Amino acid sequence: MRWGFLCDLLSGVNKYSTGIGRIWVAVVFIFRLLVYIVAAENIWKYEHDEFECNIKQPGCENVCFDHFFPVSHISLWALQLIMVSTPSLLVVFHVAYREKREKHHNQKLYRSPGEIDGGLLHTYLISLILKMGLEIVFLVLFYKLYNGFKVPRLVKCDIRPCPSTVECFISKPTEKMIFLCFLVATSCLCIVLNLSELSYLIFKYSIKCYLKRYIKKRQ
């Protein structure tokens, strides 16, 4: 899978982000995207082929694998990466709208199209809320689909066409467990960063509005 489009998106968002936002971009790019591409993708590459049961009943292994892994960890991780990065497009589109509007009117309408104020501030706050919401949704989804953040060595399956309860073995469980914990940790870190940036922006512009009102009253 080619991830160039996501790298371009993160690079574009980085130009219009606050300091905390740039840390979030670095975490997503280095600790999530690169780890996914370089290491995690290879670990889960042959997970279906390496899933073995102690019986060779036709169809039994496939049914058991689908039961315990309704969605592959790696596929869900990829979907999470794409979804949590998508809200940043709102900011990029808003800045592009500002630039187009200035070009259309042939005059400077903003101090800087990429400055976070006015309508762009609202768009930025919405994107942060969406990113936090999506991170939480995917963490809950991981937890529900796999009965917690763990990868067992052995699972027992009694679904037809298996003739009885069979034991199935998952390949590289320790390695997968480490990467799953890493995924959860970086996801939680991103939630904390988004929440910090949201709080920072609200506090900053609340103080700014208060000072404007205070100066007007003094005048």
Protein backbone atom coordinates (compact mmCIF):
# COMPACT_ATOMS: atom_id res chain seq x y z
CA MET A 1 0.00 0.00 0.00
CA ARG A 2 1.30 3.47 -0.89
CA TRP A 3 1.24 6.00 1.95
CA GLY A 4 2.59 9.01 0.05
CA PHE A 5 -0.78 10.77 0.11
CA LEU A 6 -0.89 10.60 3.93
CA CYS A 7 2.68 11.93 4.21
CA ASP A 8 1.74 14.86 1.94
CA LEU A 9 -1.35 15.54 4.03
CA LEU A 10 0.59 15.55 7.30
CA SER A 11 3.25 17.82 5.78
CA GLY A 12 0.54 20.25 4.63
CA VAL A 13 -1.17 20.29 8.02
CA ASN A 14 2.15 20.88 9.78
CA LYS A 15 2.39 24.36 8.21
CA TYR A 16 -0.83 25.52 9.87
CA SER A 17 -0.48 23.75 13.23
CA THR A 18 0.43 25.06 16.67
CA GLY A 19 3.51 23.74 18.49
CA ILE A 20 1.49 20.94 20.09
CA GLY A 21 -0.06 20.15 16.69
CA ARG A 22 3.41 19.72 15.19
CA ILE A 23 4.28 17.25 17.95
CA TRP A 24 1.10 15.33 17.06
CA VAL A 25 2.13 15.24 13.39
CA ALA A 26 5.60 13.96 14.38
CA VAL A 27 4.09 11.22 16.57
CA VAL A 28 1.70 10.09 13.81
CA PHE A 29 4.40 10.17 11.15
CA ILE A 30 7.33 8.62 13.07
CA PHE A 31 5.78 6.41 15.75
CA ARG A 32 2.70 5.26 13.88
CA LEU A 33 3.04 5.48 10.11
CA LEU A 34 6.72 4.53 9.85
CA VAL A 35 6.40 1.75 12.44
CA TYR A 36 3.43 0.41 10.49
CA ILE A 37 5.27 0.47 7.14
CA VAL A 38 8.68 -0.75 8.35
CA ALA A 39 7.77 -3.39 10.92
CA ALA A 40 4.13 -4.09 11.72
CA GLU A 41 3.02 -4.76 8.14
CA ASN A 42 5.56 -7.61 7.83
CA ILE A 43 4.57 -9.22 11.13
CA TRP A 44 0.91 -9.61 10.14
CA LYS A 45 1.66 -10.30 6.47
CA TYR A 46 1.09 -14.07 6.60
CA GLU A 47 -1.09 -14.29 9.71
CA HIS A 48 -3.77 -16.38 7.96
CA ASP A 49 -1.26 -18.84 6.46
CA GLU A 50 0.52 -19.22 9.82
CA PHE A 51 -2.71 -19.76 11.79
CA GLU A 52 -2.76 -23.52 12.47
CA CYS A 53 -5.28 -25.83 14.10
CA ASN A 54 -4.61 -29.36 15.39
CA ILE A 55 -7.10 -30.81 12.93
CA LYS A 56 -7.18 -30.69 9.12
CA GLN A 57 -10.95 -30.74 8.66
CA PRO A 58 -11.68 -28.77 5.44
CA GLY A 59 -12.94 -25.28 6.26
CA CYS A 60 -12.28 -25.56 10.01
CA GLU A 61 -9.18 -23.34 10.07
CA ASN A 62 -10.82 -20.66 7.92
CA VAL A 63 -13.95 -20.52 10.08
CA CYS A 64 -11.94 -20.36 13.32
CA PHE A 65 -9.62 -17.66 11.94
CA ASP A 66 -12.60 -15.53 10.83
CA HIS A 67 -14.18 -15.97 14.27
CA PHE A 68 -11.15 -14.84 16.26
CA PHE A 69 -9.94 -12.25 13.71
CA PRO A 70 -13.11 -10.77 12.11
CA VAL A 71 -10.92 -7.85 11.00
CA SER A 72 -7.16 -8.13 10.77
CA HIS A 73 -5.23 -6.06 13.33
CA ILE A 74 -3.11 -4.57 10.57
CA SER A 75 -6.12 -3.63 8.42
CA LEU A 76 -7.82 -1.95 11.35
CA TRP A 77 -4.59 -0.12 12.23
CA ALA A 78 -4.30 1.14 8.63
CA LEU A 79 -7.93 2.31 8.68
CA GLN A 80 -7.32 4.07 11.99
CA LEU A 81 -4.29 5.91 10.60
CA ILE A 82 -6.28 7.13 7.61
CA MET A 83 -9.37 8.13 9.60
CA VAL A 84 -7.59 10.07 12.37
CA SER A 85 -5.57 12.00 9.77
CA THR A 86 -8.57 12.87 7.58
CA PRO A 87 -10.07 15.63 9.84
CA SER A 88 -6.88 17.62 9.23
CA LEU A 89 -8.12 18.06 5.65
CA LEU A 90 -10.76 20.44 7.02
CA VAL A 91 -8.00 22.86 8.04
CA VAL A 92 -6.17 22.52 4.72
CA PHE A 93 -9.42 23.12 2.77
CA HIS A 94 -10.29 26.16 4.90
CA VAL A 95 -6.87 27.72 4.30
CA ALA A 96 -7.23 27.01 0.57
CA TYR A 97 -10.66 28.67 0.65
CA ARG A 98 -9.16 31.78 2.28
CA GLU A 99 -6.39 31.95 -0.32
CA LYS A 100 -8.89 31.55 -3.17
CA ARG A 101 -11.12 34.23 -1.68
CA GLU A 102 -8.22 36.70 -1.48
CA LYS A 103 -7.28 35.90 -5.06
CA HIS A 104 -10.89 36.35 -6.21
CA HIS A 105 -11.23 39.76 -4.52
CA ASN A 106 -7.66 40.71 -5.47
CA GLN A 107 -6.99 42.14 -2.05
CA LYS A 108 -5.67 41.05 1.32
CA LEU A 109 -8.60 39.95 3.49
CA TYR A 110 -6.61 38.22 6.26
CA ARG A 111 -3.38 38.98 8.04
CA SER A 112 -2.36 35.47 6.97
CA PRO A 113 -4.62 32.79 5.40
CA GLY A 114 -3.02 30.17 7.64
CA GLU A 115 -3.37 32.11 10.89
CA ILE A 116 -5.65 30.30 13.33
CA ASP A 117 -8.37 32.86 14.08
CA GLY A 118 -12.01 33.51 13.25
CA GLY A 119 -13.62 30.77 11.19
CA LEU A 120 -10.35 28.87 10.84
CA LEU A 121 -10.16 28.58 14.62
CA HIS A 122 -13.59 26.92 14.69
CA THR A 123 -12.56 24.55 11.89
CA TYR A 124 -9.35 23.69 13.74
CA LEU A 125 -11.22 22.98 16.98
CA ILE A 126 -13.73 20.77 15.14
CA SER A 127 -10.87 18.80 13.53
CA LEU A 128 -9.30 18.23 16.97
CA ILE A 129 -12.59 16.99 18.44
CA LEU A 130 -13.10 14.66 15.46
CA LYS A 131 -9.57 13.26 15.79
CA MET A 132 -10.04 12.57 19.50
CA GLY A 133 -13.43 10.99 18.88
CA LEU A 134 -12.08 8.71 16.14
CA GLU A 135 -9.11 7.63 18.28
CA ILE A 136 -11.47 6.65 21.11
CA VAL A 137 -13.84 4.84 18.70
CA PHE A 138 -10.98 2.74 17.29
CA LEU A 139 -9.61 1.91 20.75
CA VAL A 140 -13.05 0.68 21.79
CA LEU A 141 -13.34 -1.23 18.50
CA PHE A 142 -9.99 -2.96 19.07
CA TYR A 143 -11.02 -3.85 22.61
CA LYS A 144 -14.43 -5.23 21.62
CA LEU A 145 -13.30 -7.18 18.54
CA TYR A 146 -10.40 -8.95 20.25
CA ASN A 147 -11.71 -9.22 23.84
CA GLY A 148 -9.10 -6.85 25.19
CA PHE A 149 -5.67 -5.70 24.06
CA LYS A 150 -4.04 -9.12 24.04
CA VAL A 151 -2.92 -11.78 21.59
CA PRO A 152 -3.23 -15.32 23.03
CA ARG A 153 -0.92 -18.12 21.98
CA LEU A 154 -3.73 -20.65 21.78
CA VAL A 155 -7.47 -20.34 21.11
CA LYS A 156 -10.15 -23.05 21.28
CA CYS A 157 -12.75 -23.26 18.57
CA ASP A 158 -15.89 -25.41 18.33
CA ILE A 159 -17.62 -23.80 15.34
CA ARG A 160 -18.90 -25.93 12.50
CA PRO A 161 -17.53 -27.53 10.33
CA CYS A 162 -15.04 -28.39 13.11
CA PRO A 163 -16.12 -31.83 14.40
CA SER A 164 -15.24 -31.01 18.02
CA THR A 165 -13.42 -28.40 20.09
CA VAL A 166 -10.09 -27.85 18.35
CA GLU A 167 -7.01 -25.96 19.47
CA CYS A 168 -5.63 -23.32 17.13
CA PHE A 169 -2.27 -21.60 17.42
CA ILE A 170 -1.54 -17.97 16.56
CA SER A 171 1.86 -17.19 15.07
CA LYS A 172 4.25 -14.70 16.74
CA PRO A 173 1.86 -13.84 19.62
CA THR A 174 4.50 -12.05 21.74
CA GLU A 175 5.68 -9.89 18.86
CA LYS A 176 2.10 -9.03 17.89
CA MET A 177 1.29 -8.25 21.53
CA ILE A 178 4.19 -5.79 21.75
CA PHE A 179 3.05 -3.95 18.63
CA LEU A 180 -0.57 -3.94 19.80
CA CYS A 181 0.48 -2.36 23.11
CA PHE A 182 2.58 0.15 21.17
CA LEU A 183 -0.45 0.97 19.02
CA VAL A 184 -2.63 1.57 22.09
CA ALA A 185 0.07 3.67 23.80
CA THR A 186 0.64 5.94 20.77
CA SER A 187 -3.11 6.27 20.26
CA CYS A 188 -3.53 7.38 23.89
CA LEU A 189 -0.60 9.80 23.48
CA CYS A 190 -2.30 11.33 20.43
CA ILE A 191 -5.54 11.76 22.42
CA VAL A 192 -3.60 13.56 25.18
CA LEU A 193 -1.89 15.82 22.60
CA ASN A 194 -5.20 16.65 20.90
CA LEU A 195 -6.83 17.40 24.24
CA SER A 196 -3.87 19.58 25.27
CA GLU A 197 -4.00 21.51 21.99
CA LEU A 198 -7.77 21.96 22.29
CA SER A 199 -7.41 23.29 25.84
CA TYR A 200 -4.52 25.54 24.82
CA LEU A 201 -6.42 27.12 21.91
CA ILE A 202 -9.60 27.65 23.94
CA PHE A 203 -7.63 29.21 26.80
CA LYS A 204 -5.52 31.37 24.46
CA TYR A 205 -8.45 32.82 22.56
CA SER A 206 -10.57 33.22 25.69
CA ILE A 207 -7.82 35.40 27.15
CA LYS A 208 -7.55 37.27 23.83
CA CYS A 209 -11.30 38.01 23.76
CA TYR A 210 -11.26 39.06 27.41
CA LEU A 211 -8.39 41.48 26.81
CA LYS A 212 -10.19 43.00 23.78
CA ARG A 213 -13.31 43.61 25.81
CA TYR A 214 -11.29 45.02 28.70
CA ILE A 215 -9.45 47.46 26.40
CA LYS A 216 -12.73 48.58 24.81
CA LYS A 217 -14.22 49.26 28.22
CA ARG A 218 -11.13 51.25 29.26
CA GLN A 219 -11.33 53.31 26.10
